[in-house]
Amino acid sequence: MTDVVSSAWLSENLDRVRVVDVRDAWEFDGIGHVPGAVSIPFDSFRSADGDLGMLPGRDVWAGLLSDAGIAPDDDMVAYDDTHGVFAARFLVTALLYGHDPSKLHLLDGDYSSWNREFETTTEGSDVPEVTYEVSDTTTSPLIEFEAVETAIDDGETVIVDTRDPEEYAAGHLPGAVNLDWRELVDDETRGLKPRAELDDILAAKGLTPDARVLLYCNTARRISHTFAVLSDLGFDDVAFYEGSLTEWESRDGELVEE
């Protein structure tokens, strides 16, 4: 889907990418932001009344990106101040609404990685007049309730619960392994852990690039980060359960406790 890029990479490519800040608007204006970035706060693209799950709806999404001056063929780099989990959700939403996956990038280490090394600004950005049109994707990773039921029984899919261990213990999908999304992040740098360490963490859960993987959490926010990381690491068969436990429980799906 996307790759993870450093602040140094962003600095070198700042003139050819559109940068999206998904923090609250007051942070964008008051604390500062990457020069040239546009503000699309997280709450603006989350809706229980959208197309599916928490997706905002095609028209809402098109309006948000049009207002931000983003065109369908733009390269985008997204960041937040929460280890990348909200920015990853933005990028997954873009993917699901047909944006070219090769043009979606997650800033490693969130806003703090940029703030430590490069200048920030509180000035507004010039926004070109564009009309963003949502397109259909033929390679959507979305998986529905019935397909999740099938995956539980097929013995070939690694089902991954990306919530914290306490949530997992209280009830999870049958056969699921627990990989808290924060296990992949270094708390000090706020970015991803080194590649070798990531490989070891994932392998211990039965996750290798040739595996078929199915991700879920509660509302598809946390799995967005894990999805982005796995994509960056070369996993190419990762299913994304948008409904996650919100839908699973509402449809009386089976849960097991530790």
C-alpha atoms as a PDB file:
ATOM      1  CA  MET A   1       0.000   0.000   0.000  1.00  0.00           C
ATOM      2  CA  THR A   2       2.362   2.608   1.215  1.00  0.00           C
ATOM      3  CA  ASP A   3       5.910   3.057   2.276  1.00  0.00           C
ATOM      4  CA  VAL A   4       7.393   4.642   5.364  1.00  0.00           C
ATOM      5  CA  VAL A   5       9.680   7.612   4.707  1.00  0.00           C
ATOM      6  CA  SER A   6      12.102   9.529   6.898  1.00  0.00           C
ATOM      7  CA  SER A   7      12.044  13.228   7.630  1.00  0.00           C
ATOM      8  CA  ALA A   8      15.261  13.510   5.592  1.00  0.00           C
ATOM      9  CA  TRP A   9      13.505  11.945   2.603  1.00  0.00           C
ATOM     10  CA  LEU A  10      10.604  14.347   3.031  1.00  0.00           C
ATOM     11  CA  SER A  11      12.970  17.309   3.181  1.00  0.00           C
ATOM     12  CA  GLU A  12      14.561  16.240  -0.094  1.00  0.00           C
ATOM     13  CA  ASN A  13      11.189  15.725  -1.776  1.00  0.00           C
ATOM     14  CA  LEU A  14       9.174  18.522  -0.181  1.00  0.00           C
ATOM     15  CA  ASP A  15       8.713  20.346  -3.471  1.00  0.00           C
ATOM     16  CA  ARG A  16       7.126  17.382  -5.253  1.00  0.00           C
ATOM     17  CA  VAL A  17       4.788  15.878  -2.617  1.00  0.00           C
ATOM     18  CA  ARG A  18       1.644  17.080  -0.879  1.00  0.00           C
ATOM     19  CA  VAL A  19       2.031  16.909   2.891  1.00  0.00           C
ATOM     20  CA  VAL A  20      -1.035  16.199   5.036  1.00  0.00           C
ATOM     21  CA  ASP A  21      -1.162  17.004   8.750  1.00  0.00           C
ATOM     22  CA  VAL A  22      -3.951  15.039  10.470  1.00  0.00           C
ATOM     23  CA  ARG A  23      -3.503  16.549  13.937  1.00  0.00           C
ATOM     24  CA  ASP A  24      -6.144  18.831  15.424  1.00  0.00           C
ATOM     25  CA  ALA A  25      -6.453  22.163  13.620  1.00  0.00           C
ATOM     26  CA  TRP A  26      -5.269  24.107  16.682  1.00  0.00           C
ATOM     27  CA  GLU A  27      -2.021  22.137  16.681  1.00  0.00           C
ATOM     28  CA  PHE A  28      -1.480  22.814  12.998  1.00  0.00           C
ATOM     29  CA  ASP A  29      -2.033  26.551  13.500  1.00  0.00           C
ATOM     30  CA  GLY A  30      -0.638  27.068  16.996  1.00  0.00           C
ATOM     31  CA  ILE A  31       2.229  24.630  17.399  1.00  0.00           C
ATOM     32  CA  GLY A  32       3.419  24.677  13.817  1.00  0.00           C
ATOM     33  CA  HIS A  33       3.599  22.295  10.895  1.00  0.00           C
ATOM     34  CA  VAL A  34       5.770  21.113   8.046  1.00  0.00           C
ATOM     35  CA  PRO A  35       6.134  23.937   5.498  1.00  0.00           C
ATOM     36  CA  GLY A  36       3.589  23.552   2.729  1.00  0.00           C
ATOM     37  CA  ALA A  37       1.468  21.067   4.674  1.00  0.00           C
ATOM     38  CA  VAL A  38      -2.330  21.168   4.625  1.00  0.00           C
ATOM     39  CA  SER A  39      -4.552  20.402   7.597  1.00  0.00           C
ATOM     40  CA  ILE A  40      -7.046  17.521   7.365  1.00  0.00           C
ATOM     41  CA  PRO A  41      -7.837  16.701  11.010  1.00  0.00           C
ATOM     42  CA  PHE A  42      -8.486  13.075  11.893  1.00  0.00           C
ATOM     43  CA  ASP A  43     -12.070  13.690  13.010  1.00  0.00           C
ATOM     44  CA  SER A  44     -12.962  15.079   9.587  1.00  0.00           C
ATOM     45  CA  PHE A  45     -12.483  11.732   7.839  1.00  0.00           C
ATOM     46  CA  ARG A  46     -13.988   9.405  10.436  1.00  0.00           C
ATOM     47  CA  SER A  47     -17.696   8.671  10.322  1.00  0.00           C
ATOM     48  CA  ALA A  48     -19.858   5.776  11.435  1.00  0.00           C
ATOM     49  CA  ASP A  49     -22.340   6.808   8.736  1.00  0.00           C
ATOM     50  CA  GLY A  50     -19.924   6.546   5.811  1.00  0.00           C
ATOM     51  CA  ASP A  51     -19.489   3.930   3.123  1.00  0.00           C
ATOM     52  CA  LEU A  52     -18.408   1.124   5.419  1.00  0.00           C
ATOM     53  CA  GLY A  53     -17.413   1.054   9.052  1.00  0.00           C
ATOM     54  CA  MET A  54     -15.677   4.310   9.885  1.00  0.00           C
ATOM     55  CA  LEU A  55     -14.926   5.408   6.312  1.00  0.00           C
ATOM     56  CA  PRO A  56     -16.212   8.949   5.706  1.00  0.00           C
ATOM     57  CA  GLY A  57     -18.100   8.352   2.463  1.00  0.00           C
ATOM     58  CA  ARG A  58     -16.927   8.973  -1.086  1.00  0.00           C
ATOM     59  CA  ASP A  59     -18.391  12.475  -1.400  1.00  0.00           C
ATOM     60  CA  VAL A  60     -17.010  13.635   1.955  1.00  0.00           C
ATOM     61  CA  TRP A  61     -13.573  12.287   1.107  1.00  0.00           C
ATOM     62  CA  ALA A  62     -13.556  13.915  -2.330  1.00  0.00           C
ATOM     63  CA  GLY A  63     -14.581  17.221  -0.771  1.00  0.00           C
ATOM     64  CA  LEU A  64     -11.878  17.093   1.884  1.00  0.00           C
ATOM     65  CA  LEU A  65      -9.106  16.460  -0.611  1.00  0.00           C
ATOM     66  CA  SER A  66     -10.451  18.995  -3.103  1.00  0.00           C
ATOM     67  CA  ASP A  67     -10.554  21.660  -0.384  1.00  0.00           C
ATOM     68  CA  ALA A  68      -6.976  20.757   0.538  1.00  0.00           C
ATOM     69  CA  GLY A  69      -5.828  21.183  -3.056  1.00  0.00           C
ATOM     70  CA  ILE A  70      -4.891  17.536  -3.494  1.00  0.00           C
ATOM     71  CA  ALA A  71      -5.250  15.971  -6.936  1.00  0.00           C
ATOM     72  CA  PRO A  72      -5.856  12.266  -7.630  1.00  0.00           C
ATOM     73  CA  ASP A  73      -2.340  11.817  -9.022  1.00  0.00           C
ATOM     74  CA  ASP A  74      -0.488  13.615  -6.218  1.00  0.00           C
ATOM     75  CA  ASP A  75       2.135  11.969  -4.048  1.00  0.00           C
ATOM     76  CA  MET A  76       1.054  12.370  -0.418  1.00  0.00           C
ATOM     77  CA  VAL A  77       2.986  12.182   2.844  1.00  0.00           C
ATOM     78  CA  ALA A  78       0.877  12.083   6.014  1.00  0.00           C
ATOM     79  CA  TYR A  79       1.915  12.655   9.611  1.00  0.00           C
ATOM     80  CA  ASP A  80       0.410  13.066  13.077  1.00  0.00           C
ATOM     81  CA  ASP A  81       1.853  13.329  16.586  1.00  0.00           C
ATOM     82  CA  THR A  82       0.823   9.855  17.733  1.00  0.00           C
ATOM     83  CA  HIS A  83       3.467   7.495  16.336  1.00  0.00           C
ATOM     84  CA  GLY A  84       1.769   7.558  12.932  1.00  0.00           C
ATOM     85  CA  VAL A  85      -1.429   5.678  13.739  1.00  0.00           C
ATOM     86  CA  PHE A  86      -3.812   8.482  12.715  1.00  0.00           C
ATOM     87  CA  ALA A  87      -1.744   9.358   9.649  1.00  0.00           C
ATOM     88  CA  ALA A  88      -1.788   5.704   8.634  1.00  0.00           C
ATOM     89  CA  ARG A  89      -5.572   5.737   8.857  1.00  0.00           C
ATOM     90  CA  PHE A  90      -5.628   8.686   6.457  1.00  0.00           C
ATOM     91  CA  LEU A  91      -3.449   6.816   3.985  1.00  0.00           C
ATOM     92  CA  VAL A  92      -5.491   3.618   4.195  1.00  0.00           C
ATOM     93  CA  THR A  93      -8.621   5.683   3.549  1.00  0.00           C
ATOM     94  CA  ALA A  94      -6.949   7.155   0.464  1.00  0.00           C
ATOM     95  CA  LEU A  95      -6.046   3.662  -0.701  1.00  0.00           C
ATOM     96  CA  LEU A  96      -9.579   2.377  -0.219  1.00  0.00           C
ATOM     97  CA  TYR A  97     -10.936   5.283  -2.259  1.00  0.00           C
ATOM     98  CA  GLY A  98      -8.654   4.490  -5.176  1.00  0.00           C
ATOM     99  CA  HIS A  99      -5.531   6.637  -4.710  1.00  0.00           C
ATOM    100  CA  ASP A 100      -2.426   5.116  -6.297  1.00  0.00           C
ATOM    101  CA  PRO A 101      -0.772   3.102  -3.493  1.00  0.00           C
ATOM    102  CA  SER A 102       2.708   3.914  -4.803  1.00  0.00           C
ATOM    103  CA  LYS A 103       1.987   7.575  -4.043  1.00  0.00           C
ATOM    104  CA  LEU A 104       1.067   7.130  -0.387  1.00  0.00           C
ATOM    105  CA  HIS A 105       3.763   7.669   2.228  1.00  0.00           C
ATOM    106  CA  LEU A 106       3.802   7.622   6.042  1.00  0.00           C
ATOM    107  CA  LEU A 107       6.256   9.893   7.844  1.00  0.00           C
ATOM    108  CA  ASP A 108       8.349   7.760  10.176  1.00  0.00           C
ATOM    109  CA  GLY A 109       8.537   9.158  13.693  1.00  0.00           C
ATOM    110  CA  ASP A 110       5.517  11.465  13.260  1.00  0.00           C
ATOM    111  CA  TYR A 111       5.701  15.279  13.513  1.00  0.00           C
ATOM    112  CA  SER A 112       8.402  15.133  16.168  1.00  0.00           C
ATOM    113  CA  SER A 113      10.883  13.573  13.734  1.00  0.00           C
ATOM    114  CA  TRP A 114      10.517  16.598  11.462  1.00  0.00           C
ATOM    115  CA  ASN A 115      10.463  19.073  14.333  1.00  0.00           C
ATOM    116  CA  ARG A 116      13.775  17.756  15.711  1.00  0.00           C
ATOM    117  CA  GLU A 117      15.680  18.248  12.463  1.00  0.00           C
ATOM    118  CA  PHE A 118      13.955  20.807  10.258  1.00  0.00           C
ATOM    119  CA  GLU A 119      12.191  24.148  10.369  1.00  0.00           C
ATOM    120  CA  THR A 120       8.471  24.368  11.008  1.00  0.00           C
ATOM    121  CA  THR A 121       6.035  27.168  10.294  1.00  0.00           C
ATOM    122  CA  THR A 122       2.696  28.535  11.472  1.00  0.00           C
ATOM    123  CA  GLU A 123       1.998  30.191   8.140  1.00  0.00           C
ATOM    124  CA  GLY A 124      -0.817  28.980   5.936  1.00  0.00           C
ATOM    125  CA  SER A 125      -0.121  27.077   2.750  1.00  0.00           C
ATOM    126  CA  ASP A 126      -1.119  27.944  -0.790  1.00  0.00           C
ATOM    127  CA  VAL A 127      -3.872  25.572  -1.888  1.00  0.00           C
ATOM    128  CA  PRO A 128      -4.370  25.066  -5.631  1.00  0.00           C
ATOM    129  CA  GLU A 129      -7.877  24.761  -7.024  1.00  0.00           C
ATOM    130  CA  VAL A 130      -8.458  21.123  -7.900  1.00  0.00           C
ATOM    131  CA  THR A 131     -11.330  18.682  -7.991  1.00  0.00           C
ATOM    132  CA  TYR A 132     -10.521  15.367  -6.387  1.00  0.00           C
ATOM    133  CA  GLU A 133     -12.444  12.451  -7.847  1.00  0.00           C
ATOM    134  CA  VAL A 134     -12.680   9.137  -6.035  1.00  0.00           C
ATOM    135  CA  SER A 135     -11.934   6.130  -8.194  1.00  0.00           C
ATOM    136  CA  ASP A 136     -12.662   2.458  -7.759  1.00  0.00           C
ATOM    137  CA  THR A 137      -9.766   0.198  -6.868  1.00  0.00           C
ATOM    138  CA  THR A 138      -9.397  -3.322  -8.190  1.00  0.00           C
ATOM    139  CA  THR A 139      -6.927  -4.307  -5.479  1.00  0.00           C
ATOM    140  CA  SER A 140      -8.806  -3.440  -2.298  1.00  0.00           C
ATOM    141  CA  PRO A 141      -7.561  -5.241   0.823  1.00  0.00           C
ATOM    142  CA  LEU A 142     -11.001  -5.001   2.459  1.00  0.00           C
ATOM    143  CA  ILE A 143     -12.465  -8.224   3.785  1.00  0.00           C
ATOM    144  CA  GLU A 144     -16.047  -8.736   4.927  1.00  0.00           C
ATOM    145  CA  PHE A 145     -17.634 -10.570   7.850  1.00  0.00           C
ATOM    146  CA  GLU A 146     -18.295 -13.818   5.960  1.00  0.00           C
ATOM    147  CA  ALA A 147     -14.735 -13.936   4.638  1.00  0.00           C
ATOM    148  CA  VAL A 148     -13.419 -13.502   8.185  1.00  0.00           C
ATOM    149  CA  GLU A 149     -15.507 -16.494   9.274  1.00  0.00           C
ATOM    150  CA  THR A 150     -13.980 -18.511   6.449  1.00  0.00           C
ATOM    151  CA  ALA A 151     -10.454 -17.395   7.355  1.00  0.00           C
ATOM    152  CA  ILE A 152     -10.893 -18.549  10.935  1.00  0.00           C
ATOM    153  CA  ASP A 153     -11.490 -22.083   9.699  1.00  0.00           C
ATOM    154  CA  ASP A 154      -9.060 -22.289   6.776  1.00  0.00           C
ATOM    155  CA  GLY A 155      -5.928 -22.927   8.835  1.00  0.00           C
ATOM    156  CA  GLU A 156      -3.841 -20.879   6.413  1.00  0.00           C
ATOM    157  CA  THR A 157      -4.511 -17.281   7.466  1.00  0.00           C
ATOM    158  CA  VAL A 158      -2.666 -15.607  10.331  1.00  0.00           C
ATOM    159  CA  ILE A 159      -5.373 -13.580  12.079  1.00  0.00           C
ATOM    160  CA  VAL A 160      -3.861 -10.644  13.954  1.00  0.00           C
ATOM    161  CA  ASP A 161      -5.446  -8.664  16.776  1.00  0.00           C
ATOM    162  CA  THR A 162      -3.594  -5.332  16.976  1.00  0.00           C
ATOM    163  CA  ARG A 163      -5.133  -4.180  20.262  1.00  0.00           C
ATOM    164  CA  ASP A 164      -3.378  -4.173  23.616  1.00  0.00           C
ATOM    165  CA  PRO A 165      -2.955  -7.436  25.556  1.00  0.00           C
ATOM    166  CA  GLU A 166      -5.687  -6.596  28.070  1.00  0.00           C
ATOM    167  CA  GLU A 167      -8.251  -6.071  25.323  1.00  0.00           C
ATOM    168  CA  TYR A 168      -7.114  -9.249  23.588  1.00  0.00           C
ATOM    169  CA  ALA A 169      -7.436 -11.299  26.776  1.00  0.00           C
ATOM    170  CA  ALA A 170     -10.967 -10.019  27.354  1.00  0.00           C
ATOM    171  CA  GLY A 171     -12.141 -11.414  24.032  1.00  0.00           C
ATOM    172  CA  HIS A 172     -10.693 -12.018  20.573  1.00  0.00           C
ATOM    173  CA  LEU A 173     -11.403 -13.863  17.354  1.00  0.00           C
ATOM    174  CA  PRO A 174     -10.774 -17.607  17.535  1.00  0.00           C
ATOM    175  CA  GLY A 175      -7.202 -18.454  16.623  1.00  0.00           C
ATOM    176  CA  ALA A 176      -6.034 -14.840  16.544  1.00  0.00           C
ATOM    177  CA  VAL A 177      -2.549 -13.873  17.691  1.00  0.00           C
ATOM    178  CA  ASN A 178      -1.999 -10.651  19.590  1.00  0.00           C
ATOM    179  CA  LEU A 179       0.340  -8.062  18.075  1.00  0.00           C
ATOM    180  CA  ASP A 180      -0.190  -4.741  19.797  1.00  0.00           C
ATOM    181  CA  TRP A 181       0.527  -2.162  17.064  1.00  0.00           C
ATOM    182  CA  ARG A 182       2.775  -0.298  19.504  1.00  0.00           C
ATOM    183  CA  GLU A 183       5.152  -3.283  19.597  1.00  0.00           C
ATOM    184  CA  LEU A 184       6.461  -2.134  16.220  1.00  0.00           C
ATOM    185  CA  VAL A 185       7.217   1.404  17.400  1.00  0.00           C
ATOM    186  CA  ASP A 186      10.186   2.735  19.345  1.00  0.00           C
ATOM    187  CA  ASP A 187       8.803   4.910  22.147  1.00  0.00           C
ATOM    188  CA  GLU A 188      11.896   7.103  22.222  1.00  0.00           C
ATOM    189  CA  THR A 189      12.176   7.906  18.514  1.00  0.00           C
ATOM    190  CA  ARG A 190       8.418   7.525  17.926  1.00  0.00           C
ATOM    191  CA  GLY A 191       9.336   5.801  14.675  1.00  0.00           C
ATOM    192  CA  LEU A 192       9.541   2.172  13.644  1.00  0.00           C
ATOM    193  CA  LYS A 193      12.003  -0.139  15.324  1.00  0.00           C
ATOM    194  CA  PRO A 194      14.993  -1.323  13.250  1.00  0.00           C
ATOM    195  CA  ARG A 195      14.196  -3.748  10.434  1.00  0.00           C
ATOM    196  CA  ALA A 196      15.900  -6.747  12.038  1.00  0.00           C
ATOM    197  CA  GLU A 197      13.975  -6.201  15.265  1.00  0.00           C
ATOM    198  CA  LEU A 198      10.697  -5.861  13.362  1.00  0.00           C
ATOM    199  CA  ASP A 199      11.386  -9.097  11.510  1.00  0.00           C
ATOM    200  CA  ASP A 200      11.987 -10.941  14.788  1.00  0.00           C
ATOM    201  CA  ILE A 201       8.838  -9.548  16.408  1.00  0.00           C
ATOM    202  CA  LEU A 202       6.693 -10.483  13.439  1.00  0.00           C
ATOM    203  CA  ALA A 203       8.239 -13.926  12.951  1.00  0.00           C
ATOM    204  CA  ALA A 204       7.523 -14.753  16.592  1.00  0.00           C
ATOM    205  CA  LYS A 205       3.834 -14.214  15.778  1.00  0.00           C
ATOM    206  CA  GLY A 206       3.997 -16.367  12.653  1.00  0.00           C
ATOM    207  CA  LEU A 207       4.145 -13.354  10.347  1.00  0.00           C
ATOM    208  CA  THR A 208       6.484 -13.605   7.368  1.00  0.00           C
ATOM    209  CA  PRO A 209       6.180 -11.809   4.012  1.00  0.00           C
ATOM    210  CA  ASP A 210       4.815 -14.944   2.325  1.00  0.00           C
ATOM    211  CA  ALA A 211       2.011 -15.371   4.880  1.00  0.00           C
ATOM    212  CA  ARG A 212      -1.642 -14.539   4.324  1.00  0.00           C
ATOM    213  CA  VAL A 213      -2.522 -12.051   7.070  1.00  0.00           C
ATOM    214  CA  LEU A 214      -5.859 -10.726   8.327  1.00  0.00           C
ATOM    215  CA  LEU A 215      -5.858  -7.647  10.564  1.00  0.00           C
ATOM    216  CA  TYR A 216      -8.509  -6.376  12.967  1.00  0.00           C
ATOM    217  CA  CYS A 217      -8.875  -4.171  16.036  1.00  0.00           C
ATOM    218  CA  ASN A 218     -11.960  -2.324  17.332  1.00  0.00           C
ATOM    219  CA  THR A 219     -12.672   0.392  14.759  1.00  0.00           C
ATOM    220  CA  ALA A 220      -9.943  -0.149  12.107  1.00  0.00           C
ATOM    221  CA  ARG A 221      -7.682   2.667  13.336  1.00  0.00           C
ATOM    222  CA  ARG A 222      -4.885   0.631  14.886  1.00  0.00           C
ATOM    223  CA  ILE A 223      -4.815  -1.916  12.080  1.00  0.00           C
ATOM    224  CA  SER A 224      -4.161   0.947   9.668  1.00  0.00           C
ATOM    225  CA  HIS A 225      -0.717   1.449  11.193  1.00  0.00           C
ATOM    226  CA  THR A 226       0.090  -2.260  11.160  1.00  0.00           C
ATOM    227  CA  PHE A 227      -1.137  -2.487   7.573  1.00  0.00           C
ATOM    228  CA  ALA A 228       1.165   0.364   6.551  1.00  0.00           C
ATOM    229  CA  VAL A 229       4.145  -1.229   8.302  1.00  0.00           C
ATOM    230  CA  LEU A 230       3.552  -4.650   6.768  1.00  0.00           C
ATOM    231  CA  SER A 231       3.173  -3.051   3.346  1.00  0.00           C
ATOM    232  CA  ASP A 232       6.479  -1.250   3.789  1.00  0.00           C
ATOM    233  CA  LEU A 233       8.130  -4.530   4.800  1.00  0.00           C
ATOM    234  CA  GLY A 234       6.992  -6.309   1.649  1.00  0.00           C
ATOM    235  CA  PHE A 235       3.923  -8.210   2.844  1.00  0.00           C
ATOM    236  CA  ASP A 236       1.620  -8.406  -0.173  1.00  0.00           C
ATOM    237  CA  ASP A 237      -1.280 -10.549   1.078  1.00  0.00           C
ATOM    238  CA  VAL A 238      -2.772  -8.567   3.947  1.00  0.00           C
ATOM    239  CA  ALA A 239      -6.539  -8.460   4.457  1.00  0.00           C
ATOM    240  CA  PHE A 240      -8.059  -5.446   6.196  1.00  0.00           C
ATOM    241  CA  TYR A 241     -11.213  -6.087   8.251  1.00  0.00           C
ATOM    242  CA  GLU A 242     -12.741  -2.616   8.272  1.00  0.00           C
ATOM    243  CA  GLY A 243     -15.711  -3.700  10.383  1.00  0.00           C
ATOM    244  CA  SER A 244     -13.345  -5.122  13.026  1.00  0.00           C
ATOM    245  CA  LEU A 245     -14.818  -6.010  16.421  1.00  0.00           C
ATOM    246  CA  THR A 246     -17.462  -3.297  16.182  1.00  0.00           C
ATOM    247  CA  GLU A 247     -19.153  -5.237  13.391  1.00  0.00           C
ATOM    248  CA  TRP A 248     -18.074  -8.677  14.576  1.00  0.00           C
ATOM    249  CA  GLU A 249     -19.787  -8.324  17.935  1.00  0.00           C
ATOM    250  CA  SER A 250     -22.873  -6.628  16.480  1.00  0.00           C
ATOM    251  CA  ARG A 251     -23.338  -9.708  14.269  1.00  0.00           C
ATOM    252  CA  ASP A 252     -22.770 -12.105  17.155  1.00  0.00           C
ATOM    253  CA  GLY A 253     -19.423 -13.334  15.906  1.00  0.00           C
ATOM    254  CA  GLU A 254     -17.658 -15.788  18.183  1.00  0.00           C
ATOM    255  CA  LEU A 255     -15.132 -14.465  20.701  1.00  0.00           C
ATOM    256  CA  VAL A 256     -12.799 -16.390  22.950  1.00  0.00           C
ATOM    257  CA  GLU A 257     -11.077 -15.280  26.146  1.00  0.00           C
ATOM    258  CA  GLU A 258      -7.588 -15.977  27.405  1.00  0.00           C
END
